[in-house]
């Protein structure tokens, strides 16, 4: 499974335009981490996205693209309205990318 994280919008939108997306291949992860990633992706994909109140017009948005078995799924949410499952996946990915 290959997972790509892109962020857009928000107050630092111009900086995000120059930054390439972060990509993670689960085949390169230890078995336990790969299983955790699969669990987090499944939970985020199953959770209905919350209703966007429209109050946070300058909120940062996130697109997580999951490529697995020839299928591609894009999960998109923002800081203004984010499900707990999406937030958990986002935090896990950010932690992995910060580790290098």
PDB file of N, CA and C in Angstrom:
ATOM      1  N   UNK A   1       0.849  -1.162   0.000  1.00  0.00           N
ATOM      2  CA  UNK A   1       0.000   0.000   0.000  1.00  0.00           C
ATOM      3  C   UNK A   1       0.899   1.230   0.000  1.00  0.00           C
ATOM      4  N   UNK A   2       0.555   2.183  -0.843  1.00  0.00           N
ATOM      5  CA  UNK A   2       1.286   3.448  -0.899  1.00  0.00           C
ATOM      6  C   UNK A   2       0.342   4.549  -0.443  1.00  0.00           C
ATOM      7  N   UNK A   3       0.813   5.387   0.483  1.00  0.00           N
ATOM      8  CA  UNK A   3       0.001   6.467   1.035  1.00  0.00           C
ATOM      9  C   UNK A   3       0.712   7.795   0.775  1.00  0.00           C
ATOM     10  N   UNK A   4      -0.027   8.748   0.225  1.00  0.00           N
ATOM     11  CA  UNK A   4       0.503  10.065  -0.087  1.00  0.00           C
ATOM     12  C   UNK A   4      -0.268  11.109   0.714  1.00  0.00           C
ATOM     13  N   UNK A   5       0.449  12.017   1.362  1.00  0.00           N
ATOM     14  CA  UNK A   5      -0.167  13.092   2.136  1.00  0.00           C
ATOM     15  C   UNK A   5       0.159  14.429   1.491  1.00  0.00           C
ATOM     16  N   UNK A   6      -0.890  15.177   1.162  1.00  0.00           N
ATOM     17  CA  UNK A   6      -0.738  16.531   0.630  1.00  0.00           C
ATOM     18  C   UNK A   6      -1.534  17.478   1.523  1.00  0.00           C
ATOM     19  N   UNK A   7      -0.987  18.656   1.751  1.00  0.00           N
ATOM     20  CA  UNK A   7      -1.723  19.679   2.493  1.00  0.00           C
ATOM     21  C   UNK A   7      -1.840  20.911   1.611  1.00  0.00           C
ATOM     22  N   UNK A   8      -2.914  21.651   1.832  1.00  0.00           N
ATOM     23  CA  UNK A   8      -3.170  22.824   1.008  1.00  0.00           C
ATOM     24  C   UNK A   8      -3.978  23.844   1.798  1.00  0.00           C
ATOM     25  N   UNK A   9      -3.934  25.082   1.327  1.00  0.00           N
ATOM     26  CA  UNK A   9      -4.710  26.142   1.950  1.00  0.00           C
ATOM     27  C   UNK A   9      -4.128  26.592   3.273  1.00  0.00           C
ATOM     28  N   UNK A  10      -4.945  27.262   4.042  1.00  0.00           N
ATOM     29  CA  UNK A  10      -4.496  27.767   5.327  1.00  0.00           C
ATOM     30  C   UNK A  10      -3.653  29.012   5.162  1.00  0.00           C
ATOM     31  N   UNK A  11      -3.110  29.457   6.256  1.00  0.00           N
ATOM     32  CA  UNK A  11      -2.333  30.695   6.246  1.00  0.00           C
ATOM     33  C   UNK A  11      -0.994  30.555   5.535  1.00  0.00           C
ATOM     34  N   UNK A  12      -0.468  29.340   5.442  1.00  0.00           N
ATOM     35  CA  UNK A  12       0.827  29.117   4.788  1.00  0.00           C
ATOM     36  C   UNK A  12       0.646  28.459   3.418  1.00  0.00           C
ATOM     37  N   UNK A  13      -0.406  28.807   2.730  1.00  0.00           N
ATOM     38  CA  UNK A  13      -0.730  28.159   1.453  1.00  0.00           C
ATOM     39  C   UNK A  13       0.392  28.281   0.429  1.00  0.00           C
ATOM     40  N   UNK A  14       1.039  29.422   0.352  1.00  0.00           N
ATOM     41  CA  UNK A  14       2.103  29.613  -0.638  1.00  0.00           C
ATOM     42  C   UNK A  14       3.274  28.674  -0.383  1.00  0.00           C
ATOM     43  N   UNK A  15       3.589  28.411   0.872  1.00  0.00           N
ATOM     44  CA  UNK A  15       4.695  27.495   1.196  1.00  0.00           C
ATOM     45  C   UNK A  15       4.355  26.073   0.793  1.00  0.00           C
ATOM     46  N   UNK A  16       3.090  25.672   0.926  1.00  0.00           N
ATOM     47  CA  UNK A  16       2.683  24.318   0.574  1.00  0.00           C
ATOM     48  C   UNK A  16       2.753  24.061  -0.926  1.00  0.00           C
ATOM     49  N   UNK A  17       2.585  25.106  -1.733  1.00  0.00           N
ATOM     50  CA  UNK A  17       2.613  24.937  -3.184  1.00  0.00           C
ATOM     51  C   UNK A  17       3.980  24.466  -3.673  1.00  0.00           C
ATOM     52  N   UNK A  18       5.026  24.849  -2.983  1.00  0.00           N
ATOM     53  CA  UNK A  18       6.382  24.498  -3.402  1.00  0.00           C
ATOM     54  C   UNK A  18       6.848  23.171  -2.827  1.00  0.00           C
ATOM     55  N   UNK A  19       6.098  22.615  -1.917  1.00  0.00           N
ATOM     56  CA  UNK A  19       6.519  21.413  -1.213  1.00  0.00           C
ATOM     57  C   UNK A  19       5.909  20.174  -1.864  1.00  0.00           C
ATOM     58  N   UNK A  20       6.736  19.185  -2.207  1.00  0.00           N
ATOM     59  CA  UNK A  20       6.180  17.968  -2.796  1.00  0.00           C
ATOM     60  C   UNK A  20       5.412  17.178  -1.732  1.00  0.00           C
ATOM     61  N   UNK A  21       4.454  16.358  -2.158  1.00  0.00           N
ATOM     62  CA  UNK A  21       3.707  15.568  -1.179  1.00  0.00           C
ATOM     63  C   UNK A  21       4.617  14.530  -0.513  1.00  0.00           C
ATOM     64  N   UNK A  22       4.249  14.135   0.694  1.00  0.00           N
ATOM     65  CA  UNK A  22       4.960  13.078   1.401  1.00  0.00           C
ATOM     66  C   UNK A  22       4.374  11.738   0.963  1.00  0.00           C
ATOM     67  N   UNK A  23       5.251  10.746   0.730  1.00  0.00           N
ATOM     68  CA  UNK A  23       4.816   9.432   0.261  1.00  0.00           C
ATOM     69  C   UNK A  23       5.398   8.365   1.169  1.00  0.00           C
ATOM     70  N   UNK A  24       4.567   7.391   1.521  1.00  0.00           N
ATOM     71  CA  UNK A  24       4.974   6.290   2.383  1.00  0.00           C
ATOM     72  C   UNK A  24       4.528   4.980   1.754  1.00  0.00           C
ATOM     73  N   UNK A  25       5.452   4.035   1.635  1.00  0.00           N
ATOM     74  CA  UNK A  25       5.131   2.703   1.117  1.00  0.00           C
ATOM     75  C   UNK A  25       5.129   1.742   2.295  1.00  0.00           C
ATOM     76  N   UNK A  26       4.010   1.091   2.533  1.00  0.00           N
ATOM     77  CA  UNK A  26       3.897   0.200   3.698  1.00  0.00           C
ATOM     78  C   UNK A  26       4.855  -0.986   3.605  1.00  0.00           C
ATOM     79  N   UNK A  27       5.310  -1.314   2.408  1.00  0.00           N
ATOM     80  CA  UNK A  27       6.255  -2.422   2.245  1.00  0.00           C
ATOM     81  C   UNK A  27       7.597  -2.104   2.904  1.00  0.00           C
ATOM     82  N   UNK A  28       7.889  -0.825   3.086  1.00  0.00           N
ATOM     83  CA  UNK A  28       9.154  -0.412   3.695  1.00  0.00           C
ATOM     84  C   UNK A  28       9.052  -0.303   5.218  1.00  0.00           C
ATOM     85  N   UNK A  29       7.867  -0.547   5.767  1.00  0.00           N
ATOM     86  CA  UNK A  29       7.648  -0.433   7.207  1.00  0.00           C
ATOM     87  C   UNK A  29       7.814  -1.776   7.908  1.00  0.00           C
ATOM     88  N   UNK A  30       8.161  -1.756   9.189  1.00  0.00           N
ATOM     89  CA  UNK A  30       8.128  -2.999   9.970  1.00  0.00           C
ATOM     90  C   UNK A  30       6.694  -3.544   9.976  1.00  0.00           C
ATOM     91  N   UNK A  31       6.556  -4.838  10.177  1.00  0.00           N
ATOM     92  CA  UNK A  31       5.254  -5.493  10.088  1.00  0.00           C
ATOM     93  C   UNK A  31       4.199  -4.850  10.994  1.00  0.00           C
ATOM     94  N   UNK A  32       4.560  -4.538  12.229  1.00  0.00           N
ATOM     95  CA  UNK A  32       3.611  -3.929  13.161  1.00  0.00           C
ATOM     96  C   UNK A  32       3.153  -2.552  12.708  1.00  0.00           C
ATOM     97  N   UNK A  33       4.072  -1.758  12.187  1.00  0.00           N
ATOM     98  CA  UNK A  33       3.736  -0.415  11.708  1.00  0.00           C
ATOM     99  C   UNK A  33       2.851  -0.491  10.464  1.00  0.00           C
ATOM    100  N   UNK A  34       3.140  -1.442   9.580  1.00  0.00           N
ATOM    101  CA  UNK A  34       2.321  -1.610   8.380  1.00  0.00           C
ATOM    102  C   UNK A  34       0.891  -2.017   8.758  1.00  0.00           C
ATOM    103  N   UNK A  35       0.760  -2.883   9.747  1.00  0.00           N
ATOM    104  CA  UNK A  35      -0.568  -3.302  10.207  1.00  0.00           C
ATOM    105  C   UNK A  35      -1.320  -2.127  10.835  1.00  0.00           C
ATOM    106  N   UNK A  36      -0.612  -1.308  11.596  1.00  0.00           N
ATOM    107  CA  UNK A  36      -1.230  -0.128  12.212  1.00  0.00           C
ATOM    108  C   UNK A  36      -1.687   0.851  11.145  1.00  0.00           C
ATOM    109  N   UNK A  37      -0.886   1.051  10.117  1.00  0.00           N
ATOM    110  CA  UNK A  37      -1.263   1.939   9.020  1.00  0.00           C
ATOM    111  C   UNK A  37      -2.529   1.420   8.340  1.00  0.00           C
ATOM    112  N   UNK A  38      -2.589   0.137   8.066  1.00  0.00           N
ATOM    113  CA  UNK A  38      -3.782  -0.448   7.440  1.00  0.00           C
ATOM    114  C   UNK A  38      -5.016  -0.231   8.299  1.00  0.00           C
ATOM    115  N   UNK A  39      -4.870  -0.405   9.612  1.00  0.00           N
ATOM    116  CA  UNK A  39      -5.997  -0.220  10.530  1.00  0.00           C
ATOM    117  C   UNK A  39      -6.462   1.233  10.514  1.00  0.00           C
ATOM    118  N   UNK A  40      -5.511   2.165  10.569  1.00  0.00           N
ATOM    119  CA  UNK A  40      -5.858   3.583  10.570  1.00  0.00           C
ATOM    120  C   UNK A  40      -6.520   4.014   9.264  1.00  0.00           C
ATOM    121  N   UNK A  41      -6.013   3.523   8.141  1.00  0.00           N
ATOM    122  CA  UNK A  41      -6.598   3.842   6.831  1.00  0.00           C
ATOM    123  C   UNK A  41      -8.027   3.312   6.755  1.00  0.00           C
ATOM    124  N   UNK A  42      -8.236   2.072   7.187  1.00  0.00           N
ATOM    125  CA  UNK A  42      -9.574   1.479   7.138  1.00  0.00           C
ATOM    126  C   UNK A  42     -10.546   2.273   8.005  1.00  0.00           C
ATOM    127  N   UNK A  43     -10.109   2.682   9.187  1.00  0.00           N
ATOM    128  CA  UNK A  43     -10.980   3.450  10.081  1.00  0.00           C
ATOM    129  C   UNK A  43     -11.314   4.812   9.481  1.00  0.00           C
ATOM    130  N   UNK A  44     -10.326   5.483   8.909  1.00  0.00           N
ATOM    131  CA  UNK A  44     -10.560   6.802   8.321  1.00  0.00           C
ATOM    132  C   UNK A  44     -11.472   6.712   7.099  1.00  0.00           C
ATOM    133  N   UNK A  45     -11.309   5.662   6.308  1.00  0.00           N
ATOM    134  CA  UNK A  45     -12.142   5.489   5.116  1.00  0.00           C
ATOM    135  C   UNK A  45     -13.586   5.157   5.491  1.00  0.00           C
ATOM    136  N   UNK A  46     -13.785   4.460   6.599  1.00  0.00           N
ATOM    137  CA  UNK A  46     -15.123   4.055   7.017  1.00  0.00           C
ATOM    138  C   UNK A  46     -15.876   5.166   7.745  1.00  0.00           C
ATOM    139  N   UNK A  47     -15.146   6.094   8.334  1.00  0.00           N
ATOM    140  CA  UNK A  47     -15.788   7.164   9.118  1.00  0.00           C
ATOM    141  C   UNK A  47     -16.384   8.207   8.181  1.00  0.00           C
ATOM    142  N   UNK A  48     -17.652   8.558   8.399  1.00  0.00           N
ATOM    143  CA  UNK A  48     -18.227   9.618   7.558  1.00  0.00           C
ATOM    144  C   UNK A  48     -17.576  10.954   7.892  1.00  0.00           C
ATOM    145  N   UNK A  49     -17.270  11.754   6.869  1.00  0.00           N
ATOM    146  CA  UNK A  49     -16.658  13.053   7.145  1.00  0.00           C
ATOM    147  C   UNK A  49     -17.659  13.956   7.857  1.00  0.00           C
ATOM    148  N   UNK A  50     -17.188  14.749   8.808  1.00  0.00           N
ATOM    149  CA  UNK A  50     -18.095  15.651   9.505  1.00  0.00           C
ATOM    150  C   UNK A  50     -18.589  16.758   8.573  1.00  0.00           C
ATOM    151  N   UNK A  51     -19.711  17.336   8.919  1.00  0.00           N
ATOM    152  CA  UNK A  51     -20.241  18.455   8.139  1.00  0.00           C
ATOM    153  C   UNK A  51     -19.337  19.666   8.314  1.00  0.00           C
ATOM    154  N   UNK A  52     -19.015  20.313   7.223  1.00  0.00           N
ATOM    155  CA  UNK A  52     -18.184  21.518   7.262  1.00  0.00           C
ATOM    156  C   UNK A  52     -19.073  22.701   7.609  1.00  0.00           C
ATOM    157  N   UNK A  53     -18.763  23.358   8.699  1.00  0.00           N
ATOM    158  CA  UNK A  53     -19.567  24.497   9.137  1.00  0.00           C
ATOM    159  C   UNK A  53     -19.302  25.743   8.305  1.00  0.00           C
ATOM    160  N   UNK A  54     -18.197  25.776   7.580  1.00  0.00           N
ATOM    161  CA  UNK A  54     -17.846  26.936   6.773  1.00  0.00           C
ATOM    162  C   UNK A  54     -17.245  28.070   7.579  1.00  0.00           C
ATOM    163  N   UNK A  55     -17.091  27.883   8.867  1.00  0.00           N
ATOM    164  CA  UNK A  55     -16.578  28.951   9.727  1.00  0.00           C
ATOM    165  C   UNK A  55     -15.080  29.154   9.570  1.00  0.00           C
ATOM    166  N   UNK A  56     -14.358  28.124   9.248  1.00  0.00           N
ATOM    167  CA  UNK A  56     -12.899  28.215   9.160  1.00  0.00           C
ATOM    168  C   UNK A  56     -12.473  28.285   7.694  1.00  0.00           C
ATOM    169  N   UNK A  57     -12.731  29.402   7.077  1.00  0.00           N
ATOM    170  CA  UNK A  57     -12.450  29.543   5.645  1.00  0.00           C
ATOM    171  C   UNK A  57     -10.962  29.486   5.319  1.00  0.00           C
ATOM    172  N   UNK A  58     -10.102  29.801   6.278  1.00  0.00           N
ATOM    173  CA  UNK A  58      -8.664  29.738   6.035  1.00  0.00           C
ATOM    174  C   UNK A  58      -8.046  28.478   6.637  1.00  0.00           C
ATOM    175  N   UNK A  59      -8.879  27.464   6.899  1.00  0.00           N
ATOM    176  CA  UNK A  59      -8.389  26.218   7.482  1.00  0.00           C
ATOM    177  C   UNK A  59      -7.505  25.481   6.487  1.00  0.00           C
ATOM    178  N   UNK A  60      -6.546  24.774   7.004  1.00  0.00           N
ATOM    179  CA  UNK A  60      -5.661  23.962   6.182  1.00  0.00           C
ATOM    180  C   UNK A  60      -6.397  22.678   5.819  1.00  0.00           C
ATOM    181  N   UNK A  61      -6.256  22.247   4.583  1.00  0.00           N
ATOM    182  CA  UNK A  61      -6.885  21.016   4.106  1.00  0.00           C
ATOM    183  C   UNK A  61      -5.843  19.938   3.870  1.00  0.00           C
ATOM    184  N   UNK A  62      -6.298  18.693   3.929  1.00  0.00           N
ATOM    185  CA  UNK A  62      -5.409  17.550   3.761  1.00  0.00           C
ATOM    186  C   UNK A  62      -6.040  16.535   2.815  1.00  0.00           C
ATOM    187  N   UNK A  63      -5.237  16.011   1.927  1.00  0.00           N
ATOM    188  CA  UNK A  63      -5.658  14.932   1.037  1.00  0.00           C
ATOM    189  C   UNK A  63      -4.715  13.755   1.272  1.00  0.00           C
ATOM    190  N   UNK A  64      -5.299  12.638   1.675  1.00  0.00           N
ATOM    191  CA  UNK A  64      -4.529  11.411   1.869  1.00  0.00           C
ATOM    192  C   UNK A  64      -4.972  10.443   0.781  1.00  0.00           C
ATOM    193  N   UNK A  65      -4.050  10.115  -0.114  1.00  0.00           N
ATOM    194  CA  UNK A  65      -4.343   9.199  -1.208  1.00  0.00           C
ATOM    195  C   UNK A  65      -3.765   7.839  -0.864  1.00  0.00           C
ATOM    196  N   UNK A  66      -4.612   6.823  -0.954  1.00  0.00           N
ATOM    197  CA  UNK A  66      -4.207   5.456  -0.632  1.00  0.00           C
ATOM    198  C   UNK A  66      -4.302   4.626  -1.901  1.00  0.00           C
ATOM    199  N   UNK A  67      -3.178   4.063  -2.314  1.00  0.00           N
ATOM    200  CA  UNK A  67      -3.134   3.182  -3.484  1.00  0.00           C
ATOM    201  C   UNK A  67      -2.853   1.771  -2.994  1.00  0.00           C
ATOM    202  N   UNK A  68      -3.791   0.877  -3.263  1.00  0.00           N
ATOM    203  CA  UNK A  68      -3.656  -0.492  -2.775  1.00  0.00           C
ATOM    204  C   UNK A  68      -4.367  -1.449  -3.727  1.00  0.00           C
ATOM    205  N   UNK A  69      -3.658  -2.440  -4.184  1.00  0.00           N
ATOM    206  CA  UNK A  69      -4.260  -3.446  -5.057  1.00  0.00           C
ATOM    207  C   UNK A  69      -4.859  -2.879  -6.325  1.00  0.00           C
ATOM    208  N   UNK A  70      -4.230  -1.877  -6.908  1.00  0.00           N
ATOM    209  CA  UNK A  70      -4.736  -1.294  -8.148  1.00  0.00           C
ATOM    210  C   UNK A  70      -5.852  -0.287  -7.945  1.00  0.00           C
ATOM    211  N   UNK A  71      -6.269  -0.068  -6.700  1.00  0.00           N
ATOM    212  CA  UNK A  71      -7.321   0.911  -6.403  1.00  0.00           C
ATOM    213  C   UNK A  71      -6.711   2.140  -5.754  1.00  0.00           C
ATOM    214  N   UNK A  72      -7.297   3.275  -6.031  1.00  0.00           N
ATOM    215  CA  UNK A  72      -6.841   4.524  -5.431  1.00  0.00           C
ATOM    216  C   UNK A  72      -8.024   5.184  -4.730  1.00  0.00           C
ATOM    217  N   UNK A  73      -7.830   5.549  -3.473  1.00  0.00           N
ATOM    218  CA  UNK A  73      -8.861   6.207  -2.677  1.00  0.00           C
ATOM    219  C   UNK A  73      -8.288   7.504  -2.126  1.00  0.00           C
ATOM    220  N   UNK A  74      -9.042   8.584  -2.244  1.00  0.00           N
ATOM    221  CA  UNK A  74      -8.609   9.871  -1.720  1.00  0.00           C
ATOM    222  C   UNK A  74      -9.516  10.252  -0.557  1.00  0.00           C
ATOM    223  N   UNK A  75      -8.897  10.502   0.586  1.00  0.00           N
ATOM    224  CA  UNK A  75      -9.605  10.968   1.774  1.00  0.00           C
ATOM    225  C   UNK A  75      -9.239  12.432   1.964  1.00  0.00           C
ATOM    226  N   UNK A  76     -10.236  13.311   2.038  1.00  0.00           N
ATOM    227  CA  UNK A  76      -9.967  14.742   2.187  1.00  0.00           C
ATOM    228  C   UNK A  76     -10.770  15.314   3.339  1.00  0.00           C
ATOM    229  N   UNK A  77     -10.070  16.042   4.207  1.00  0.00           N
ATOM    230  CA  UNK A  77     -10.726  16.760   5.294  1.00  0.00           C
ATOM    231  C   UNK A  77      -9.875  17.975   5.625  1.00  0.00           C
ATOM    232  N   UNK A  78     -10.377  18.806   6.536  1.00  0.00           N
ATOM    233  CA  UNK A  78      -9.654  20.036   6.873  1.00  0.00           C
ATOM    234  C   UNK A  78      -9.602  20.226   8.377  1.00  0.00           C
ATOM    235  N   UNK A  79      -8.768  21.178   8.789  1.00  0.00           N
ATOM    236  CA  UNK A  79      -8.685  21.509  10.204  1.00  0.00           C
ATOM    237  C   UNK A  79     -10.029  21.999  10.727  1.00  0.00           C
ATOM    238  N   UNK A  80     -10.857  22.557   9.850  1.00  0.00           N
ATOM    239  CA  UNK A  80     -12.160  23.072  10.247  1.00  0.00           C
ATOM    240  C   UNK A  80     -13.194  22.003  10.526  1.00  0.00           C
ATOM    241  N   UNK A  81     -13.046  20.838   9.924  1.00  0.00           N
ATOM    242  CA  UNK A  81     -13.965  19.726  10.159  1.00  0.00           C
ATOM    243  C   UNK A  81     -13.233  18.430   9.826  1.00  0.00           C
ATOM    244  N   UNK A  82     -12.883  17.710  10.881  1.00  0.00           N
ATOM    245  CA  UNK A  82     -12.091  16.496  10.715  1.00  0.00           C
ATOM    246  C   UNK A  82     -12.622  15.413  11.658  1.00  0.00           C
ATOM    247  N   UNK A  83     -12.831  14.223  11.116  1.00  0.00           N
ATOM    248  CA  UNK A  83     -13.281  13.118  11.961  1.00  0.00           C
ATOM    249  C   UNK A  83     -12.127  12.663  12.857  1.00  0.00           C
ATOM    250  N   UNK A  84     -12.438  12.095  14.002  1.00  0.00           N
ATOM    251  CA  UNK A  84     -11.379  11.583  14.874  1.00  0.00           C
ATOM    252  C   UNK A  84     -10.509  10.521  14.189  1.00  0.00           C
ATOM    253  N   UNK A  85     -11.117   9.681  13.343  1.00  0.00           N
ATOM    254  CA  UNK A  85     -10.360   8.640  12.649  1.00  0.00           C
ATOM    255  C   UNK A  85      -9.392   9.250  11.640  1.00  0.00           C
ATOM    256  N   UNK A  86      -9.829  10.284  10.912  1.00  0.00           N
ATOM    257  CA  UNK A  86      -8.949  10.962   9.968  1.00  0.00           C
ATOM    258  C   UNK A  86      -7.826  11.657  10.720  1.00  0.00           C
ATOM    259  N   UNK A  87      -8.150  12.298  11.845  1.00  0.00           N
ATOM    260  CA  UNK A  87      -7.140  12.985  12.661  1.00  0.00           C
ATOM    261  C   UNK A  87      -6.089  12.004  13.163  1.00  0.00           C
ATOM    262  N   UNK A  88      -6.512  10.803  13.562  1.00  0.00           N
ATOM    263  CA  UNK A  88      -5.565   9.789  14.041  1.00  0.00           C
ATOM    264  C   UNK A  88      -4.630   9.350  12.917  1.00  0.00           C
ATOM    265  N   UNK A  89      -5.169   9.143  11.719  1.00  0.00           N
ATOM    266  CA  UNK A  89      -4.345   8.760  10.571  1.00  0.00           C
ATOM    267  C   UNK A  89      -3.378   9.890  10.217  1.00  0.00           C
ATOM    268  N   UNK A  90      -3.863  11.112  10.188  1.00  0.00           N
ATOM    269  CA  UNK A  90      -3.023  12.266   9.874  1.00  0.00           C
ATOM    270  C   UNK A  90      -1.881  12.403  10.879  1.00  0.00           C
ATOM    271  N   UNK A  91      -2.185  12.273  12.154  1.00  0.00           N
ATOM    272  CA  UNK A  91      -1.151  12.386  13.195  1.00  0.00           C
ATOM    273  C   UNK A  91      -0.118  11.280  13.048  1.00  0.00           C
ATOM    274  N   UNK A  92      -0.561  10.060  12.750  1.00  0.00           N
ATOM    275  CA  UNK A  92       0.352   8.926  12.587  1.00  0.00           C
ATOM    276  C   UNK A  92       1.274   9.178  11.392  1.00  0.00           C
ATOM    277  N   UNK A  93       0.704   9.641  10.281  1.00  0.00           N
ATOM    278  CA  UNK A  93       1.513   9.918   9.092  1.00  0.00           C
ATOM    279  C   UNK A  93       2.507  11.040   9.350  1.00  0.00           C
ATOM    280  N   UNK A  94       2.061  12.104   9.972  1.00  0.00           N
ATOM    281  CA  UNK A  94       2.972  13.212  10.274  1.00  0.00           C
ATOM    282  C   UNK A  94       4.135  12.748  11.139  1.00  0.00           C
ATOM    283  N   UNK A  95       3.841  11.908  12.112  1.00  0.00           N
ATOM    284  CA  UNK A  95       4.893  11.375  12.984  1.00  0.00           C
ATOM    285  C   UNK A  95       5.893  10.553  12.170  1.00  0.00           C
ATOM    286  N   UNK A  96       5.407   9.706  11.288  1.00  0.00           N
ATOM    287  CA  UNK A  96       6.287   8.892  10.433  1.00  0.00           C
ATOM    288  C   UNK A  96       7.148   9.760   9.537  1.00  0.00           C
ATOM    289  N   UNK A  97       6.536  10.776   8.920  1.00  0.00           N
ATOM    290  CA  UNK A  97       7.293  11.631   8.018  1.00  0.00           C
ATOM    291  C   UNK A  97       8.317  12.467   8.776  1.00  0.00           C
ATOM    292  N   UNK A  98       8.013  12.846  10.003  1.00  0.00           N
ATOM    293  CA  UNK A  98       8.963  13.601  10.823  1.00  0.00           C
ATOM    294  C   UNK A  98      10.166  12.760  11.203  1.00  0.00           C
ATOM    295  N   UNK A  99       9.973  11.444  11.299  1.00  0.00           N
ATOM    296  CA  UNK A  99      11.060  10.530  11.647  1.00  0.00           C
ATOM    297  C   UNK A  99      12.028  10.351  10.478  1.00  0.00           C
ATOM    298  N   UNK A 100      11.570  10.719   9.303  1.00  0.00           N
ATOM    299  CA  UNK A 100      12.446  10.631   8.142  1.00  0.00           C
ATOM    300  C   UNK A 100      12.202   9.443   7.376  1.00  0.00           C
TER     301      UNK A 100
END
